[in-house]
Amino acid sequence: MKPASVDEYIAGFPPKVRTVLRRIRVTVRKAAPAAEEKISYRMPSFRLDGTLLYFAAFKNHIGLYPPVRGDAKLVKAAATYAGEKGNLRFPLDKPIPYALIRRIVQARVRERRERAAAKRS
């Protein structure tokens, strides 16, 4: 079933996973306070001048989408977590890199705003 809200999505997981999902949500909100939260493709998403990012819980990891691009330092920092298509996978049996997630969100905010400004020009 498709969750109706991010709260409903998070509530559907075991307590340990809910804690991680809540903290990711807070991390994104702090890094992108103007972003709109919604469910898209059956997972939490944030929009700011278009799609900012998605995150989702799986059996053994948390996925973060879309892939990191355009910032060589950030790409390098995220490389450990990159899956086969570049989307990030944070194993649930290891510490979640919330500071890295914050940096990714900040980079995506810059990217989305630059893209929106270019369209207005």
C-alpha atoms as a PDB file:
ATOM      1  CA  MET A   1       0.000   0.000   0.000  1.00  0.00           C
ATOM      2  CA  LYS A   2       1.083   3.528  -0.721  1.00  0.00           C
ATOM      3  CA  PRO A   3       1.644   5.536   2.466  1.00  0.00           C
ATOM      4  CA  ALA A   4      -0.362   8.761   2.585  1.00  0.00           C
ATOM      5  CA  SER A   5       2.325  10.757   4.398  1.00  0.00           C
ATOM      6  CA  VAL A   6       5.950  10.631   5.448  1.00  0.00           C
ATOM      7  CA  ASP A   7       4.803   9.994   9.020  1.00  0.00           C
ATOM      8  CA  GLU A   8       2.817   6.970   7.824  1.00  0.00           C
ATOM      9  CA  TYR A   9       5.810   5.727   5.790  1.00  0.00           C
ATOM     10  CA  ILE A  10       8.134   5.945   8.793  1.00  0.00           C
ATOM     11  CA  ALA A  11       5.594   4.334  11.122  1.00  0.00           C
ATOM     12  CA  GLY A  12       5.624   1.194   8.981  1.00  0.00           C
ATOM     13  CA  PHE A  13       9.173   0.224  10.037  1.00  0.00           C
ATOM     14  CA  PRO A  14      10.701  -1.334  13.159  1.00  0.00           C
ATOM     15  CA  PRO A  15      11.791   1.080  15.910  1.00  0.00           C
ATOM     16  CA  LYS A  16      15.504   1.095  15.004  1.00  0.00           C
ATOM     17  CA  VAL A  17      14.770   1.937  11.377  1.00  0.00           C
ATOM     18  CA  ARG A  18      12.154   4.545  12.377  1.00  0.00           C
ATOM     19  CA  THR A  19      14.825   6.306  14.434  1.00  0.00           C
ATOM     20  CA  VAL A  20      17.175   6.465  11.439  1.00  0.00           C
ATOM     21  CA  LEU A  21      14.414   7.638   9.076  1.00  0.00           C
ATOM     22  CA  ARG A  22      13.308  10.347  11.491  1.00  0.00           C
ATOM     23  CA  ARG A  23      16.860  11.607  11.868  1.00  0.00           C
ATOM     24  CA  ILE A  24      17.357  11.699   8.089  1.00  0.00           C
ATOM     25  CA  ARG A  25      14.101  13.622   7.785  1.00  0.00           C
ATOM     26  CA  VAL A  26      15.248  16.164  10.375  1.00  0.00           C
ATOM     27  CA  THR A  27      18.649  16.436   8.679  1.00  0.00           C
ATOM     28  CA  VAL A  28      16.991  17.223   5.348  1.00  0.00           C
ATOM     29  CA  ARG A  29      14.547  19.693   6.899  1.00  0.00           C
ATOM     30  CA  LYS A  30      17.373  21.595   8.606  1.00  0.00           C
ATOM     31  CA  ALA A  31      19.466  21.714   5.420  1.00  0.00           C
ATOM     32  CA  ALA A  32      16.495  22.650   3.213  1.00  0.00           C
ATOM     33  CA  PRO A  33      13.852  24.322   5.398  1.00  0.00           C
ATOM     34  CA  ALA A  34      11.900  25.614   2.374  1.00  0.00           C
ATOM     35  CA  ALA A  35      11.581  22.160   0.796  1.00  0.00           C
ATOM     36  CA  GLU A  36       8.142  20.601   0.519  1.00  0.00           C
ATOM     37  CA  GLU A  37       7.790  17.097   1.900  1.00  0.00           C
ATOM     38  CA  LYS A  38       5.633  14.474   0.187  1.00  0.00           C
ATOM     39  CA  ILE A  39       5.357  10.834  -0.808  1.00  0.00           C
ATOM     40  CA  SER A  40       6.437  10.076  -4.354  1.00  0.00           C
ATOM     41  CA  TYR A  41       7.118   6.637  -5.837  1.00  0.00           C
ATOM     42  CA  ARG A  42       5.975   5.267  -2.456  1.00  0.00           C
ATOM     43  CA  MET A  43       8.867   6.872  -0.577  1.00  0.00           C
ATOM     44  CA  PRO A  44       9.535  10.149   1.218  1.00  0.00           C
ATOM     45  CA  SER A  45      10.655  12.946  -1.049  1.00  0.00           C
ATOM     46  CA  PHE A  46      11.492  16.602  -0.757  1.00  0.00           C
ATOM     47  CA  ARG A  47      10.836  19.177  -3.474  1.00  0.00           C
ATOM     48  CA  LEU A  48      12.430  22.562  -3.952  1.00  0.00           C
ATOM     49  CA  ASP A  49      12.193  23.963  -7.468  1.00  0.00           C
ATOM     50  CA  GLY A  50      11.765  20.344  -8.554  1.00  0.00           C
ATOM     51  CA  THR A  51      12.762  17.110  -6.889  1.00  0.00           C
ATOM     52  CA  LEU A  52      15.438  17.632  -4.263  1.00  0.00           C
ATOM     53  CA  LEU A  53      15.797  14.040  -3.087  1.00  0.00           C
ATOM     54  CA  TYR A  54      14.160  10.796  -2.069  1.00  0.00           C
ATOM     55  CA  PHE A  55      15.030   8.414   0.729  1.00  0.00           C
ATOM     56  CA  ALA A  56      13.767   4.942   1.500  1.00  0.00           C
ATOM     57  CA  ALA A  57      14.326   2.074   3.908  1.00  0.00           C
ATOM     58  CA  PHE A  58      15.118  -1.429   2.741  1.00  0.00           C
ATOM     59  CA  LYS A  59      15.905  -4.626   4.614  1.00  0.00           C
ATOM     60  CA  ASN A  60      19.607  -3.862   5.132  1.00  0.00           C
ATOM     61  CA  HIS A  61      20.104  -0.251   4.086  1.00  0.00           C
ATOM     62  CA  ILE A  62      18.701   3.218   3.593  1.00  0.00           C
ATOM     63  CA  GLY A  63      18.674   4.439  -0.005  1.00  0.00           C
ATOM     64  CA  LEU A  64      19.188   8.077  -0.969  1.00  0.00           C
ATOM     65  CA  TYR A  65      18.373   9.320  -4.472  1.00  0.00           C
ATOM     66  CA  PRO A  66      19.314  10.802  -6.954  1.00  0.00           C
ATOM     67  CA  PRO A  67      23.041  10.109  -7.357  1.00  0.00           C
ATOM     68  CA  VAL A  68      25.538  12.739  -6.228  1.00  0.00           C
ATOM     69  CA  ARG A  69      26.988  14.644  -9.193  1.00  0.00           C
ATOM     70  CA  GLY A  70      28.754  17.876 -10.027  1.00  0.00           C
ATOM     71  CA  ASP A  71      30.821  18.346  -6.860  1.00  0.00           C
ATOM     72  CA  ALA A  72      34.027  16.293  -7.019  1.00  0.00           C
ATOM     73  CA  LYS A  73      34.691  16.473  -3.264  1.00  0.00           C
ATOM     74  CA  LEU A  74      31.169  15.399  -2.448  1.00  0.00           C
ATOM     75  CA  VAL A  75      31.223  12.607  -5.035  1.00  0.00           C
ATOM     76  CA  LYS A  76      34.448  11.339  -3.485  1.00  0.00           C
ATOM     77  CA  ALA A  77      33.031  11.560   0.059  1.00  0.00           C
ATOM     78  CA  ALA A  78      29.934   9.603  -0.994  1.00  0.00           C
ATOM     79  CA  ALA A  79      31.787   7.016  -3.119  1.00  0.00           C
ATOM     80  CA  THR A  80      31.905   4.473  -0.281  1.00  0.00           C
ATOM     81  CA  TYR A  81      28.102   4.373  -0.297  1.00  0.00           C
ATOM     82  CA  ALA A  82      27.465   4.495  -4.059  1.00  0.00           C
ATOM     83  CA  GLY A  83      25.473   1.623  -5.513  1.00  0.00           C
ATOM     84  CA  GLU A  84      25.674   0.356  -9.069  1.00  0.00           C
ATOM     85  CA  LYS A  85      23.667   3.286 -10.467  1.00  0.00           C
ATOM     86  CA  GLY A  86      25.289   5.863  -8.208  1.00  0.00           C
ATOM     87  CA  ASN A  87      22.387   6.013  -5.765  1.00  0.00           C
ATOM     88  CA  LEU A  88      23.587   5.902  -2.190  1.00  0.00           C
ATOM     89  CA  ARG A  89      23.122   2.974   0.169  1.00  0.00           C
ATOM     90  CA  PHE A  90      23.745   3.461   3.859  1.00  0.00           C
ATOM     91  CA  PRO A  91      24.004   0.073   5.610  1.00  0.00           C
ATOM     92  CA  LEU A  92      21.775  -0.169   8.673  1.00  0.00           C
ATOM     93  CA  ASP A  93      24.442  -2.111  10.576  1.00  0.00           C
ATOM     94  CA  LYS A  94      26.892   0.831  10.363  1.00  0.00           C
ATOM     95  CA  PRO A  95      26.667   4.436  11.568  1.00  0.00           C
ATOM     96  CA  ILE A  96      24.586   6.581   9.216  1.00  0.00           C
ATOM     97  CA  PRO A  97      26.645   9.547   7.899  1.00  0.00           C
ATOM     98  CA  TYR A  98      24.181  12.325   8.742  1.00  0.00           C
ATOM     99  CA  ALA A  99      26.796  15.058   8.154  1.00  0.00           C
ATOM    100  CA  LEU A 100      27.332  13.692   4.636  1.00  0.00           C
ATOM    101  CA  ILE A 101      23.571  13.639   4.051  1.00  0.00           C
ATOM    102  CA  ARG A 102      23.427  17.294   5.155  1.00  0.00           C
ATOM    103  CA  ARG A 103      26.192  18.201   2.680  1.00  0.00           C
ATOM    104  CA  ILE A 104      24.391  16.330  -0.111  1.00  0.00           C
ATOM    105  CA  VAL A 105      21.145  18.168   0.619  1.00  0.00           C
ATOM    106  CA  GLN A 106      22.922  21.532   0.689  1.00  0.00           C
ATOM    107  CA  ALA A 107      24.542  20.756  -2.672  1.00  0.00           C
ATOM    108  CA  ARG A 108      21.195  19.700  -4.133  1.00  0.00           C
ATOM    109  CA  VAL A 109      19.572  22.927  -2.872  1.00  0.00           C
ATOM    110  CA  ARG A 110      22.265  24.969  -4.657  1.00  0.00           C
ATOM    111  CA  GLU A 111      21.821  22.895  -7.807  1.00  0.00           C
ATOM    112  CA  ARG A 112      18.025  23.204  -7.815  1.00  0.00           C
ATOM    113  CA  ARG A 113      18.129  26.967  -7.191  1.00  0.00           C
ATOM    114  CA  GLU A 114      20.723  27.510  -9.930  1.00  0.00           C
ATOM    115  CA  ARG A 115      18.626  25.486 -12.352  1.00  0.00           C
ATOM    116  CA  ALA A 116      15.470  27.410 -11.435  1.00  0.00           C
ATOM    117  CA  ALA A 117      17.276  30.767 -11.812  1.00  0.00           C
ATOM    118  CA  ALA A 118      18.596  29.740 -15.234  1.00  0.00           C
ATOM    119  CA  LYS A 119      15.066  28.884 -16.373  1.00  0.00           C
ATOM    120  CA  ARG A 120      13.801  32.309 -15.272  1.00  0.00           C
ATOM    121  CA  SER A 121      16.556  34.104 -17.210  1.00  0.00           C
END
